[in-house]
């Protein structure tokens, strides 16, 4: 449901939209709808959004916001990311309240995964 003043949609750059679709459908079971060759929308992600054609990438090093996924099985999610062409930027580390790691998608965009489940 759309709510006034609430986050509703997010967009990410992608050099290779096909690679983004393959990666996120494989790791997180996202669904996609193409709107021409330079844009695809995703759903089944907790927050709908899209990928637009761009040579840029988002990272915390360049000051971008960090989107963080939740996982009940953080090691399984890490393996799925590596096996699907993602890269681990920061390995799993503890923080107050849980554990997390940062990863890059095949287009170089940075995300994180956290869990409050014990290993």
PDB file of N, CA and C in Angstrom:
ATOM      1  N   UNK A   1       0.832  -1.168   0.000  1.00  0.00           N
ATOM      2  CA  UNK A   1       0.000   0.000   0.000  1.00  0.00           C
ATOM      3  C   UNK A   1       0.883   1.240   0.000  1.00  0.00           C
ATOM      4  N   UNK A   2       0.543   2.198  -0.816  1.00  0.00           N
ATOM      5  CA  UNK A   2       1.296   3.449  -0.869  1.00  0.00           C
ATOM      6  C   UNK A   2       0.871   4.339   0.291  1.00  0.00           C
ATOM      7  N   UNK A   3       1.859   4.839   1.045  1.00  0.00           N
ATOM      8  CA  UNK A   3       1.570   5.698   2.176  1.00  0.00           C
ATOM      9  C   UNK A   3       2.296   7.025   2.018  1.00  0.00           C
ATOM     10  N   UNK A   4       1.576   8.104   2.248  1.00  0.00           N
ATOM     11  CA  UNK A   4       2.134   9.437   2.151  1.00  0.00           C
ATOM     12  C   UNK A   4       3.353   9.572   3.059  1.00  0.00           C
ATOM     13  N   UNK A   5       4.451  10.071   2.516  1.00  0.00           N
ATOM     14  CA  UNK A   5       5.649  10.348   3.294  1.00  0.00           C
ATOM     15  C   UNK A   5       6.499   9.132   3.627  1.00  0.00           C
ATOM     16  N   UNK A   6       6.155   7.956   3.096  1.00  0.00           N
ATOM     17  CA  UNK A   6       6.915   6.738   3.382  1.00  0.00           C
ATOM     18  C   UNK A   6       7.754   6.345   2.169  1.00  0.00           C
ATOM     19  N   UNK A   7       8.894   5.704   2.410  1.00  0.00           N
ATOM     20  CA  UNK A   7       9.696   5.208   1.299  1.00  0.00           C
ATOM     21  C   UNK A   7       8.849   4.262   0.471  1.00  0.00           C
ATOM     22  N   UNK A   8       8.943   4.401  -0.862  1.00  0.00           N
ATOM     23  CA  UNK A   8       8.060   3.656  -1.730  1.00  0.00           C
ATOM     24  C   UNK A   8       8.788   2.909  -2.831  1.00  0.00           C
ATOM     25  N   UNK A   9       9.976   3.360  -3.223  1.00  0.00           N
ATOM     26  CA  UNK A   9      10.636   2.809  -4.402  1.00  0.00           C
ATOM     27  C   UNK A   9      12.102   3.184  -4.334  1.00  0.00           C
ATOM     28  N   UNK A  10      12.963   2.339  -4.864  1.00  0.00           N
ATOM     29  CA  UNK A  10      14.394   2.627  -4.872  1.00  0.00           C
ATOM     30  C   UNK A  10      14.946   2.234  -6.239  1.00  0.00           C
ATOM     31  N   UNK A  11      15.914   2.987  -6.737  1.00  0.00           N
ATOM     32  CA  UNK A  11      16.521   2.695  -8.041  1.00  0.00           C
ATOM     33  C   UNK A  11      18.035   2.628  -7.918  1.00  0.00           C
ATOM     34  N   UNK A  12      18.628   1.679  -8.654  1.00  0.00           N
ATOM     35  CA  UNK A  12      20.066   1.471  -8.643  1.00  0.00           C
ATOM     36  C   UNK A  12      20.616   1.553 -10.052  1.00  0.00           C
ATOM     37  N   UNK A  13      21.861   2.030 -10.200  1.00  0.00           N
ATOM     38  CA  UNK A  13      22.506   2.000 -11.508  1.00  0.00           C
ATOM     39  C   UNK A  13      22.963   0.583 -11.841  1.00  0.00           C
ATOM     40  N   UNK A  14      23.053   0.290 -13.133  1.00  0.00           N
ATOM     41  CA  UNK A  14      23.547  -1.023 -13.564  1.00  0.00           C
ATOM     42  C   UNK A  14      24.194  -0.890 -14.937  1.00  0.00           C
ATOM     43  N   UNK A  15      25.469  -1.261 -15.024  1.00  0.00           N
ATOM     44  CA  UNK A  15      26.146  -1.306 -16.321  1.00  0.00           C
ATOM     45  C   UNK A  15      25.542  -2.404 -17.182  1.00  0.00           C
ATOM     46  N   UNK A  16      25.184  -3.533 -16.545  1.00  0.00           N
ATOM     47  CA  UNK A  16      24.644  -4.702 -17.227  1.00  0.00           C
ATOM     48  C   UNK A  16      23.349  -5.109 -16.529  1.00  0.00           C
ATOM     49  N   UNK A  17      22.230  -4.663 -17.066  1.00  0.00           N
ATOM     50  CA  UNK A  17      20.930  -4.928 -16.452  1.00  0.00           C
ATOM     51  C   UNK A  17      20.638  -6.428 -16.430  1.00  0.00           C
ATOM     52  N   UNK A  18      21.036  -7.150 -17.472  1.00  0.00           N
ATOM     53  CA  UNK A  18      20.835  -8.594 -17.501  1.00  0.00           C
ATOM     54  C   UNK A  18      21.548  -9.291 -16.356  1.00  0.00           C
ATOM     55  N   UNK A  19      22.773  -8.854 -16.064  1.00  0.00           N
ATOM     56  CA  UNK A  19      23.534  -9.440 -14.954  1.00  0.00           C
ATOM     57  C   UNK A  19      22.842  -9.159 -13.623  1.00  0.00           C
ATOM     58  N   UNK A  20      22.303  -7.965 -13.459  1.00  0.00           N
ATOM     59  CA  UNK A  20      21.581  -7.620 -12.237  1.00  0.00           C
ATOM     60  C   UNK A  20      20.360  -8.522 -12.078  1.00  0.00           C
ATOM     61  N   UNK A  21      19.630  -8.723 -13.150  1.00  0.00           N
ATOM     62  CA  UNK A  21      18.441  -9.575 -13.097  1.00  0.00           C
ATOM     63  C   UNK A  21      18.798 -11.018 -12.731  1.00  0.00           C
ATOM     64  N   UNK A  22      19.819 -11.555 -13.365  1.00  0.00           N
ATOM     65  CA  UNK A  22      20.231 -12.933 -13.076  1.00  0.00           C
ATOM     66  C   UNK A  22      20.666 -13.076 -11.619  1.00  0.00           C
ATOM     67  N   UNK A  23      21.474 -12.133 -11.148  1.00  0.00           N
ATOM     68  CA  UNK A  23      22.003 -12.198  -9.783  1.00  0.00           C
ATOM     69  C   UNK A  23      20.876 -12.123  -8.750  1.00  0.00           C
ATOM     70  N   UNK A  24      20.042 -11.099  -8.822  1.00  0.00           N
ATOM     71  CA  UNK A  24      19.032 -10.901  -7.790  1.00  0.00           C
ATOM     72  C   UNK A  24      17.895 -11.915  -7.856  1.00  0.00           C
ATOM     73  N   UNK A  25      17.604 -12.439  -9.027  1.00  0.00           N
ATOM     74  CA  UNK A  25      16.609 -13.508  -9.086  1.00  0.00           C
ATOM     75  C   UNK A  25      17.186 -14.793  -8.501  1.00  0.00           C
ATOM     76  N   UNK A  26      18.473 -15.063  -8.732  1.00  0.00           N
ATOM     77  CA  UNK A  26      19.121 -16.271  -8.213  1.00  0.00           C
ATOM     78  C   UNK A  26      19.299 -16.224  -6.696  1.00  0.00           C
ATOM     79  N   UNK A  27      19.775 -15.098  -6.179  1.00  0.00           N
ATOM     80  CA  UNK A  27      20.093 -15.010  -4.750  1.00  0.00           C
ATOM     81  C   UNK A  27      18.859 -14.714  -3.898  1.00  0.00           C
ATOM     82  N   UNK A  28      18.020 -13.778  -4.333  1.00  0.00           N
ATOM     83  CA  UNK A  28      16.924 -13.299  -3.495  1.00  0.00           C
ATOM     84  C   UNK A  28      15.530 -13.551  -4.064  1.00  0.00           C
ATOM     85  N   UNK A  29      15.421 -14.239  -5.206  1.00  0.00           N
ATOM     86  CA  UNK A  29      14.131 -14.573  -5.834  1.00  0.00           C
ATOM     87  C   UNK A  29      13.311 -13.345  -6.246  1.00  0.00           C
ATOM     88  N   UNK A  30      14.009 -12.279  -6.665  1.00  0.00           N
ATOM     89  CA  UNK A  30      13.290 -11.106  -7.152  1.00  0.00           C
ATOM     90  C   UNK A  30      12.661 -11.404  -8.498  1.00  0.00           C
ATOM     91  N   UNK A  31      11.587 -10.685  -8.806  1.00  0.00           N
ATOM     92  CA  UNK A  31      10.922 -10.747 -10.106  1.00  0.00           C
ATOM     93  C   UNK A  31      11.177  -9.435 -10.840  1.00  0.00           C
ATOM     94  N   UNK A  32      11.172  -9.492 -12.175  1.00  0.00           N
ATOM     95  CA  UNK A  32      11.499  -8.314 -12.977  1.00  0.00           C
ATOM     96  C   UNK A  32      10.489  -8.085 -14.096  1.00  0.00           C
ATOM     97  N   UNK A  33      10.295  -6.802 -14.432  1.00  0.00           N
ATOM     98  CA  UNK A  33       9.519  -6.394 -15.597  1.00  0.00           C
ATOM     99  C   UNK A  33      10.361  -5.355 -16.326  1.00  0.00           C
ATOM    100  N   UNK A  34      10.667  -5.615 -17.595  1.00  0.00           N
ATOM    101  CA  UNK A  34      11.477  -4.685 -18.391  1.00  0.00           C
ATOM    102  C   UNK A  34      10.617  -3.555 -18.951  1.00  0.00           C
ATOM    103  N   UNK A  35      11.180  -2.365 -18.932  1.00  0.00           N
ATOM    104  CA  UNK A  35      10.565  -1.180 -19.538  1.00  0.00           C
ATOM    105  C   UNK A  35      11.571  -0.606 -20.520  1.00  0.00           C
ATOM    106  N   UNK A  36      11.789  -1.315 -21.593  1.00  0.00           N
ATOM    107  CA  UNK A  36      12.784  -0.921 -22.578  1.00  0.00           C
ATOM    108  C   UNK A  36      14.135  -1.510 -22.230  1.00  0.00           C
ATOM    109  N   UNK A  37      15.133  -1.258 -23.083  1.00  0.00           N
ATOM    110  CA  UNK A  37      16.453  -1.862 -22.874  1.00  0.00           C
ATOM    111  C   UNK A  37      17.277  -1.222 -21.760  1.00  0.00           C
ATOM    112  N   UNK A  38      16.867  -0.067 -21.263  1.00  0.00           N
ATOM    113  CA  UNK A  38      17.675   0.644 -20.274  1.00  0.00           C
ATOM    114  C   UNK A  38      17.035   0.735 -18.894  1.00  0.00           C
ATOM    115  N   UNK A  39      15.961  -0.042 -18.659  1.00  0.00           N
ATOM    116  CA  UNK A  39      15.324  -0.006 -17.338  1.00  0.00           C
ATOM    117  C   UNK A  39      14.586  -1.304 -17.078  1.00  0.00           C
ATOM    118  N   UNK A  40      14.731  -1.811 -15.858  1.00  0.00           N
ATOM    119  CA  UNK A  40      13.926  -2.943 -15.406  1.00  0.00           C
ATOM    120  C   UNK A  40      13.469  -2.665 -13.988  1.00  0.00           C
ATOM    121  N   UNK A  41      12.213  -3.007 -13.710  1.00  0.00           N
ATOM    122  CA  UNK A  41      11.656  -2.845 -12.368  1.00  0.00           C
ATOM    123  C   UNK A  41      11.707  -4.188 -11.656  1.00  0.00           C
ATOM    124  N   UNK A  42      11.931  -4.157 -10.330  1.00  0.00           N
ATOM    125  CA  UNK A  42      11.920  -5.399  -9.568  1.00  0.00           C
ATOM    126  C   UNK A  42      10.834  -5.364  -8.510  1.00  0.00           C
ATOM    127  N   UNK A  43      10.392  -6.556  -8.139  1.00  0.00           N
ATOM    128  CA  UNK A  43       9.422  -6.724  -7.063  1.00  0.00           C
ATOM    129  C   UNK A  43       9.812  -7.969  -6.279  1.00  0.00           C
ATOM    130  N   UNK A  44       9.075  -8.240  -5.215  1.00  0.00           N
ATOM    131  CA  UNK A  44       9.360  -9.355  -4.320  1.00  0.00           C
ATOM    132  C   UNK A  44      10.670  -9.126  -3.570  1.00  0.00           C
ATOM    133  N   UNK A  45      10.966  -7.851  -3.267  1.00  0.00           N
ATOM    134  CA  UNK A  45      12.215  -7.500  -2.601  1.00  0.00           C
ATOM    135  C   UNK A  45      11.999  -6.836  -1.245  1.00  0.00           C
ATOM    136  N   UNK A  46      10.756  -6.700  -0.814  1.00  0.00           N
ATOM    137  CA  UNK A  46      10.459  -5.978   0.419  1.00  0.00           C
ATOM    138  C   UNK A  46      10.164  -4.514   0.149  1.00  0.00           C
ATOM    139  N   UNK A  47      10.820  -3.944  -0.846  1.00  0.00           N
ATOM    140  CA  UNK A  47      10.608  -2.582  -1.333  1.00  0.00           C
ATOM    141  C   UNK A  47      10.791  -2.659  -2.840  1.00  0.00           C
ATOM    142  N   UNK A  48       9.795  -2.235  -3.594  1.00  0.00           N
ATOM    143  CA  UNK A  48       9.916  -2.281  -5.050  1.00  0.00           C
ATOM    144  C   UNK A  48      10.925  -1.258  -5.536  1.00  0.00           C
ATOM    145  N   UNK A  49      11.445  -1.490  -6.729  1.00  0.00           N
ATOM    146  CA  UNK A  49      12.421  -0.568  -7.284  1.00  0.00           C
ATOM    147  C   UNK A  49      12.802  -0.964  -8.684  1.00  0.00           C
ATOM    148  N   UNK A  50      13.966  -0.475  -9.117  1.00  0.00           N
ATOM    149  CA  UNK A  50      14.411  -0.775 -10.461  1.00  0.00           C
ATOM    150  C   UNK A  50      15.900  -0.556 -10.636  1.00  0.00           C
ATOM    151  N   UNK A  51      16.375  -0.991 -11.798  1.00  0.00           N
ATOM    152  CA  UNK A  51      17.743  -0.765 -12.240  1.00  0.00           C
ATOM    153  C   UNK A  51      17.695   0.048 -13.515  1.00  0.00           C
ATOM    154  N   UNK A  52      18.514   1.104 -13.589  1.00  0.00           N
ATOM    155  CA  UNK A  52      18.609   1.920 -14.788  1.00  0.00           C
ATOM    156  C   UNK A  52      20.011   1.801 -15.368  1.00  0.00           C
ATOM    157  N   UNK A  53      20.109   1.892 -16.675  1.00  0.00           N
ATOM    158  CA  UNK A  53      21.388   1.770 -17.370  1.00  0.00           C
ATOM    159  C   UNK A  53      22.310   2.923 -16.974  1.00  0.00           C
ATOM    160  N   UNK A  54      23.496   2.586 -16.466  1.00  0.00           N
ATOM    161  CA  UNK A  54      24.447   3.606 -16.042  1.00  0.00           C
ATOM    162  C   UNK A  54      25.812   2.967 -15.846  1.00  0.00           C
ATOM    163  N   UNK A  55      26.854   3.723 -16.053  1.00  0.00           N
ATOM    164  CA  UNK A  55      28.214   3.270 -15.790  1.00  0.00           C
ATOM    165  C   UNK A  55      28.606   3.486 -14.327  1.00  0.00           C
ATOM    166  N   UNK A  56      27.730   4.109 -13.554  1.00  0.00           N
ATOM    167  CA  UNK A  56      28.020   4.395 -12.146  1.00  0.00           C
ATOM    168  C   UNK A  56      27.676   3.201 -11.265  1.00  0.00           C
ATOM    169  N   UNK A  57      28.134   3.236 -10.013  1.00  0.00           N
ATOM    170  CA  UNK A  57      27.803   2.228  -9.017  1.00  0.00           C
ATOM    171  C   UNK A  57      27.692   2.921  -7.661  1.00  0.00           C
ATOM    172  N   UNK A  58      26.913   2.337  -6.761  1.00  0.00           N
ATOM    173  CA  UNK A  58      26.750   2.903  -5.422  1.00  0.00           C
ATOM    174  C   UNK A  58      27.639   2.163  -4.431  1.00  0.00           C
ATOM    175  N   UNK A  59      28.254   2.928  -3.523  1.00  0.00           N
ATOM    176  CA  UNK A  59      29.085   2.329  -2.478  1.00  0.00           C
ATOM    177  C   UNK A  59      29.138   3.267  -1.288  1.00  0.00           C
ATOM    178  N   UNK A  60      29.343   2.689  -0.112  1.00  0.00           N
ATOM    179  CA  UNK A  60      29.457   3.522   1.079  1.00  0.00           C
ATOM    180  C   UNK A  60      30.723   4.373   1.026  1.00  0.00           C
ATOM    181  N   UNK A  61      31.739   3.874   0.346  1.00  0.00           N
ATOM    182  CA  UNK A  61      32.991   4.629   0.212  1.00  0.00           C
ATOM    183  C   UNK A  61      32.773   5.962  -0.508  1.00  0.00           C
ATOM    184  N   UNK A  62      31.802   5.992  -1.428  1.00  0.00           N
ATOM    185  CA  UNK A  62      31.527   7.235  -2.147  1.00  0.00           C
ATOM    186  C   UNK A  62      30.375   8.013  -1.508  1.00  0.00           C
ATOM    187  N   UNK A  63      29.912   7.556  -0.338  1.00  0.00           N
ATOM    188  CA  UNK A  63      28.891   8.291   0.396  1.00  0.00           C
ATOM    189  C   UNK A  63      27.465   7.869   0.112  1.00  0.00           C
ATOM    190  N   UNK A  64      27.261   6.792  -0.610  1.00  0.00           N
ATOM    191  CA  UNK A  64      25.913   6.336  -0.926  1.00  0.00           C
ATOM    192  C   UNK A  64      25.234   5.726   0.295  1.00  0.00           C
ATOM    193  N   UNK A  65      23.921   5.750   0.271  1.00  0.00           N
ATOM    194  CA  UNK A  65      23.153   5.039   1.289  1.00  0.00           C
ATOM    195  C   UNK A  65      23.408   3.542   1.124  1.00  0.00           C
ATOM    196  N   UNK A  66      23.276   2.793   2.194  1.00  0.00           N
ATOM    197  CA  UNK A  66      23.497   1.350   2.168  1.00  0.00           C
ATOM    198  C   UNK A  66      22.173   0.651   2.415  1.00  0.00           C
ATOM    199  N   UNK A  67      21.745  -0.165   1.462  1.00  0.00           N
ATOM    200  CA  UNK A  67      20.566  -0.988   1.664  1.00  0.00           C
ATOM    201  C   UNK A  67      21.008  -2.311   2.266  1.00  0.00           C
ATOM    202  N   UNK A  68      20.292  -2.740   3.312  1.00  0.00           N
ATOM    203  CA  UNK A  68      20.690  -3.900   4.089  1.00  0.00           C
ATOM    204  C   UNK A  68      19.575  -4.944   4.045  1.00  0.00           C
ATOM    205  N   UNK A  69      19.930  -6.147   3.621  1.00  0.00           N
ATOM    206  CA  UNK A  69      19.013  -7.282   3.596  1.00  0.00           C
ATOM    207  C   UNK A  69      19.046  -7.981   4.945  1.00  0.00           C
ATOM    208  N   UNK A  70      17.950  -8.666   5.288  1.00  0.00           N
ATOM    209  CA  UNK A  70      17.922  -9.513   6.479  1.00  0.00           C
ATOM    210  C   UNK A  70      18.008 -10.965   6.030  1.00  0.00           C
ATOM    211  N   UNK A  71      18.694 -11.801   6.812  1.00  0.00           N
ATOM    212  CA  UNK A  71      18.800 -13.227   6.520  1.00  0.00           C
ATOM    213  C   UNK A  71      18.656 -14.040   7.798  1.00  0.00           C
ATOM    214  N   UNK A  72      17.888 -15.127   7.724  1.00  0.00           N
ATOM    215  CA  UNK A  72      17.813 -16.079   8.838  1.00  0.00           C
ATOM    216  C   UNK A  72      19.038 -16.974   8.876  1.00  0.00           C
ATOM    217  N   UNK A  73      19.730 -17.099   7.736  1.00  0.00           N
ATOM    218  CA  UNK A  73      20.900 -17.971   7.609  1.00  0.00           C
ATOM    219  C   UNK A  73      21.998 -17.207   6.867  1.00  0.00           C
ATOM    220  N   UNK A  74      22.741 -16.422   7.599  1.00  0.00           N
ATOM    221  CA  UNK A  74      23.690 -15.489   6.993  1.00  0.00           C
ATOM    222  C   UNK A  74      24.776 -16.202   6.183  1.00  0.00           C
ATOM    223  N   UNK A  75      25.269 -17.342   6.657  1.00  0.00           N
ATOM    224  CA  UNK A  75      26.302 -18.068   5.905  1.00  0.00           C
ATOM    225  C   UNK A  75      25.756 -18.606   4.584  1.00  0.00           C
ATOM    226  N   UNK A  76      24.513 -19.097   4.592  1.00  0.00           N
ATOM    227  CA  UNK A  76      23.875 -19.599   3.366  1.00  0.00           C
ATOM    228  C   UNK A  76      23.715 -18.457   2.365  1.00  0.00           C
ATOM    229  N   UNK A  77      23.272 -17.299   2.846  1.00  0.00           N
ATOM    230  CA  UNK A  77      23.107 -16.147   1.960  1.00  0.00           C
ATOM    231  C   UNK A  77      24.443 -15.710   1.385  1.00  0.00           C
ATOM    232  N   UNK A  78      25.496 -15.684   2.204  1.00  0.00           N
ATOM    233  CA  UNK A  78      26.829 -15.331   1.721  1.00  0.00           C
ATOM    234  C   UNK A  78      27.261 -16.292   0.609  1.00  0.00           C
ATOM    235  N   UNK A  79      27.050 -17.583   0.793  1.00  0.00           N
ATOM    236  CA  UNK A  79      27.426 -18.572  -0.230  1.00  0.00           C
ATOM    237  C   UNK A  79      26.645 -18.368  -1.517  1.00  0.00           C
ATOM    238  N   UNK A  80      25.348 -18.095  -1.404  1.00  0.00           N
ATOM    239  CA  UNK A  80      24.532 -17.857  -2.597  1.00  0.00           C
ATOM    240  C   UNK A  80      25.036 -16.643  -3.373  1.00  0.00           C
ATOM    241  N   UNK A  81      25.438 -15.604  -2.646  1.00  0.00           N
ATOM    242  CA  UNK A  81      25.959 -14.399  -3.287  1.00  0.00           C
ATOM    243  C   UNK A  81      27.250 -14.723  -4.040  1.00  0.00           C
ATOM    244  N   UNK A  82      28.170 -15.417  -3.386  1.00  0.00           N
ATOM    245  CA  UNK A  82      29.433 -15.779  -4.042  1.00  0.00           C
ATOM    246  C   UNK A  82      29.195 -16.693  -5.244  1.00  0.00           C
ATOM    247  N   UNK A  83      28.304 -17.671  -5.116  1.00  0.00           N
ATOM    248  CA  UNK A  83      28.038 -18.619  -6.198  1.00  0.00           C
ATOM    249  C   UNK A  83      27.270 -18.003  -7.364  1.00  0.00           C
ATOM    250  N   UNK A  84      26.680 -16.825  -7.150  1.00  0.00           N
ATOM    251  CA  UNK A  84      25.903 -16.164  -8.197  1.00  0.00           C
ATOM    252  C   UNK A  84      26.647 -14.991  -8.835  1.00  0.00           C
ATOM    253  N   UNK A  85      27.929 -14.827  -8.515  1.00  0.00           N
ATOM    254  CA  UNK A  85      28.725 -13.780  -9.146  1.00  0.00           C
ATOM    255  C   UNK A  85      28.913 -12.521  -8.328  1.00  0.00           C
ATOM    256  N   UNK A  86      28.471 -12.520  -7.079  1.00  0.00           N
ATOM    257  CA  UNK A  86      28.703 -11.376  -6.213  1.00  0.00           C
ATOM    258  C   UNK A  86      30.076 -11.465  -5.570  1.00  0.00           C
ATOM    259  N   UNK A  87      30.527 -10.365  -4.988  1.00  0.00           N
ATOM    260  CA  UNK A  87      31.813 -10.336  -4.303  1.00  0.00           C
ATOM    261  C   UNK A  87      31.599  -9.894  -2.862  1.00  0.00           C
ATOM    262  N   UNK A  88      32.369 -10.453  -1.956  1.00  0.00           N
ATOM    263  CA  UNK A  88      32.278 -10.072  -0.551  1.00  0.00           C
ATOM    264  C   UNK A  88      33.232  -8.897  -0.325  1.00  0.00           C
ATOM    265  N   UNK A  89      32.683  -7.779   0.099  1.00  0.00           N
ATOM    266  CA  UNK A  89      33.461  -6.565   0.344  1.00  0.00           C
ATOM    267  C   UNK A  89      33.987  -6.548   1.775  1.00  0.00           C
ATOM    268  N   UNK A  90      33.121  -6.915   2.740  1.00  0.00           N
ATOM    269  CA  UNK A  90      33.507  -7.044   4.149  1.00  0.00           C
ATOM    270  C   UNK A  90      32.968  -8.385   4.615  1.00  0.00           C
ATOM    271  N   UNK A  91      33.837  -9.283   5.083  1.00  0.00           N
ATOM    272  CA  UNK A  91      33.357 -10.584   5.557  1.00  0.00           C
ATOM    273  C   UNK A  91      32.453 -10.431   6.782  1.00  0.00           C
ATOM    274  N   UNK A  92      31.810 -11.503   7.161  1.00  0.00           N
ATOM    275  CA  UNK A  92      30.893 -11.485   8.312  1.00  0.00           C
ATOM    276  C   UNK A  92      31.629 -10.969   9.553  1.00  0.00           C
ATOM    277  N   UNK A  93      30.992 -10.026  10.224  1.00  0.00           N
ATOM    278  CA  UNK A  93      31.523  -9.487  11.467  1.00  0.00           C
ATOM    279  C   UNK A  93      30.391  -9.304  12.460  1.00  0.00           C
ATOM    280  N   UNK A  94      30.741  -9.334  13.753  1.00  0.00           N
ATOM    281  CA  UNK A  94      29.769  -9.127  14.822  1.00  0.00           C
ATOM    282  C   UNK A  94      29.585  -7.639  15.065  1.00  0.00           C
ATOM    283  N   UNK A  95      28.380  -7.274  15.452  1.00  0.00           N
ATOM    284  CA  UNK A  95      28.082  -5.921  15.914  1.00  0.00           C
ATOM    285  C   UNK A  95      27.000  -6.063  16.983  1.00  0.00           C
ATOM    286  N   UNK A  96      26.799  -5.058  17.830  1.00  0.00           N
ATOM    287  CA  UNK A  96      25.765  -5.183  18.862  1.00  0.00           C
ATOM    288  C   UNK A  96      24.402  -5.468  18.210  1.00  0.00           C
ATOM    289  N   UNK A  97      23.843  -6.622  18.521  1.00  0.00           N
ATOM    290  CA  UNK A  97      22.544  -6.976  17.958  1.00  0.00           C
ATOM    291  C   UNK A  97      22.593  -8.035  16.880  1.00  0.00           C
ATOM    292  N   UNK A  98      23.802  -8.412  16.417  1.00  0.00           N
ATOM    293  CA  UNK A  98      23.839  -9.442  15.385  1.00  0.00           C
ATOM    294  C   UNK A  98      25.164  -9.538  14.666  1.00  0.00           C
ATOM    295  N   UNK A  99      25.069  -9.986  13.423  1.00  0.00           N
ATOM    296  CA  UNK A  99      26.232 -10.145  12.549  1.00  0.00           C
ATOM    297  C   UNK A  99      25.851  -9.639  11.170  1.00  0.00           C
ATOM    298  N   UNK A 100      26.857  -9.204  10.388  1.00  0.00           N
ATOM    299  CA  UNK A 100      26.577  -8.748   9.029  1.00  0.00           C
ATOM    300  C   UNK A 100      27.798  -8.841   8.153  1.00  0.00           C
ATOM    301  N   UNK A 101      27.571  -8.701   6.851  1.00  0.00           N
ATOM    302  CA  UNK A 101      28.643  -8.604   5.870  1.00  0.00           C
ATOM    303  C   UNK A 101      28.182  -7.681   4.756  1.00  0.00           C
ATOM    304  N   UNK A 102      29.151  -7.158   3.988  1.00  0.00           N
ATOM    305  CA  UNK A 102      28.857  -6.306   2.835  1.00  0.00           C
ATOM    306  C   UNK A 102      29.249  -7.058   1.571  1.00  0.00           C
ATOM    307  N   UNK A 103      28.482  -6.846   0.505  1.00  0.00           N
ATOM    308  CA  UNK A 103      28.787  -7.500  -0.757  1.00  0.00           C
ATOM    309  C   UNK A 103      28.549  -6.549  -1.923  1.00  0.00           C
ATOM    310  N   UNK A 104      29.183  -6.879  -3.036  1.00  0.00           N
ATOM    311  CA  UNK A 104      28.968  -6.152  -4.273  1.00  0.00           C
ATOM    312  C   UNK A 104      28.223  -7.040  -5.247  1.00  0.00           C
ATOM    313  N   UNK A 105      27.258  -6.464  -5.967  1.00  0.00           N
ATOM    314  CA  UNK A 105      26.568  -7.218  -7.008  1.00  0.00           C
ATOM    315  C   UNK A 105      27.446  -7.231  -8.263  1.00  0.00           C
ATOM    316  N   UNK A 106      27.066  -7.937  -9.317  1.00  0.00           N
ATOM    317  CA  UNK A 106      27.911  -7.989 -10.515  1.00  0.00           C
ATOM    318  C   UNK A 106      28.163  -6.627 -11.177  1.00  0.00           C
ATOM    319  N   UNK A 107      27.371  -5.606 -10.823  1.00  0.00           N
ATOM    320  CA  UNK A 107      27.574  -4.265 -11.365  1.00  0.00           C
ATOM    321  C   UNK A 107      28.396  -3.373 -10.454  1.00  0.00           C
ATOM    322  N   UNK A 108      28.849  -3.912  -9.315  1.00  0.00           N
ATOM    323  CA  UNK A 108      29.686  -3.137  -8.406  1.00  0.00           C
ATOM    324  C   UNK A 108      28.929  -2.342  -7.357  1.00  0.00           C
ATOM    325  N   UNK A 109      27.605  -2.484  -7.281  1.00  0.00           N
ATOM    326  CA  UNK A 109      26.829  -1.799  -6.247  1.00  0.00           C
ATOM    327  C   UNK A 109      27.012  -2.521  -4.916  1.00  0.00           C
ATOM    328  N   UNK A 110      27.153  -1.748  -3.841  1.00  0.00           N
ATOM    329  CA  UNK A 110      27.379  -2.317  -2.511  1.00  0.00           C
ATOM    330  C   UNK A 110      26.069  -2.432  -1.738  1.00  0.00           C
ATOM    331  N   UNK A 111      25.896  -3.561  -1.064  1.00  0.00           N
ATOM    332  CA  UNK A 111      24.767  -3.834  -0.182  1.00  0.00           C
ATOM    333  C   UNK A 111      25.327  -4.526   1.055  1.00  0.00           C
ATOM    334  N   UNK A 112      24.460  -4.778   2.036  1.00  0.00           N
ATOM    335  CA  UNK A 112      24.863  -5.553   3.212  1.00  0.00           C
ATOM    336  C   UNK A 112      23.774  -6.553   3.538  1.00  0.00           C
ATOM    337  N   UNK A 113      24.138  -7.559   4.316  1.00  0.00           N
ATOM    338  CA  UNK A 113      23.193  -8.554   4.834  1.00  0.00           C
ATOM    339  C   UNK A 113      23.461  -8.656   6.330  1.00  0.00           C
ATOM    340  N   UNK A 114      22.396  -8.674   7.114  1.00  0.00           N
ATOM    341  CA  UNK A 114      22.558  -8.827   8.568  1.00  0.00           C
ATOM    342  C   UNK A 114      21.652  -9.925   9.068  1.00  0.00           C
ATOM    343  N   UNK A 115      21.970 -10.419  10.252  1.00  0.00           N
ATOM    344  CA  UNK A 115      21.152 -11.435  10.905  1.00  0.00           C
ATOM    345  C   UNK A 115      21.271 -11.277  12.411  1.00  0.00           C
ATOM    346  N   UNK A 116      20.154 -11.510  13.082  1.00  0.00           N
ATOM    347  CA  UNK A 116      20.195 -11.567  14.532  1.00  0.00           C
ATOM    348  C   UNK A 116      20.123 -13.011  15.003  1.00  0.00           C
ATOM    349  N   UNK A 117      20.067 -13.951  14.050  1.00  0.00           N
ATOM    350  CA  UNK A 117      20.063 -15.377  14.372  1.00  0.00           C
ATOM    351  C   UNK A 117      21.479 -15.824  14.710  1.00  0.00           C
ATOM    352  N   UNK A 118      21.621 -16.628  15.760  1.00  0.00           N
ATOM    353  CA  UNK A 118      22.954 -17.118  16.091  1.00  0.00           C
ATOM    354  C   UNK A 118      23.360 -18.221  15.121  1.00  0.00           C
ATOM    355  N   UNK A 119      24.654 -18.349  14.904  1.00  0.00           N
ATOM    356  CA  UNK A 119      25.145 -19.321  13.931  1.00  0.00           C
ATOM    357  C   UNK A 119      25.136 -20.718  14.469  1.00  0.00           C
TER     358      UNK A 119
END
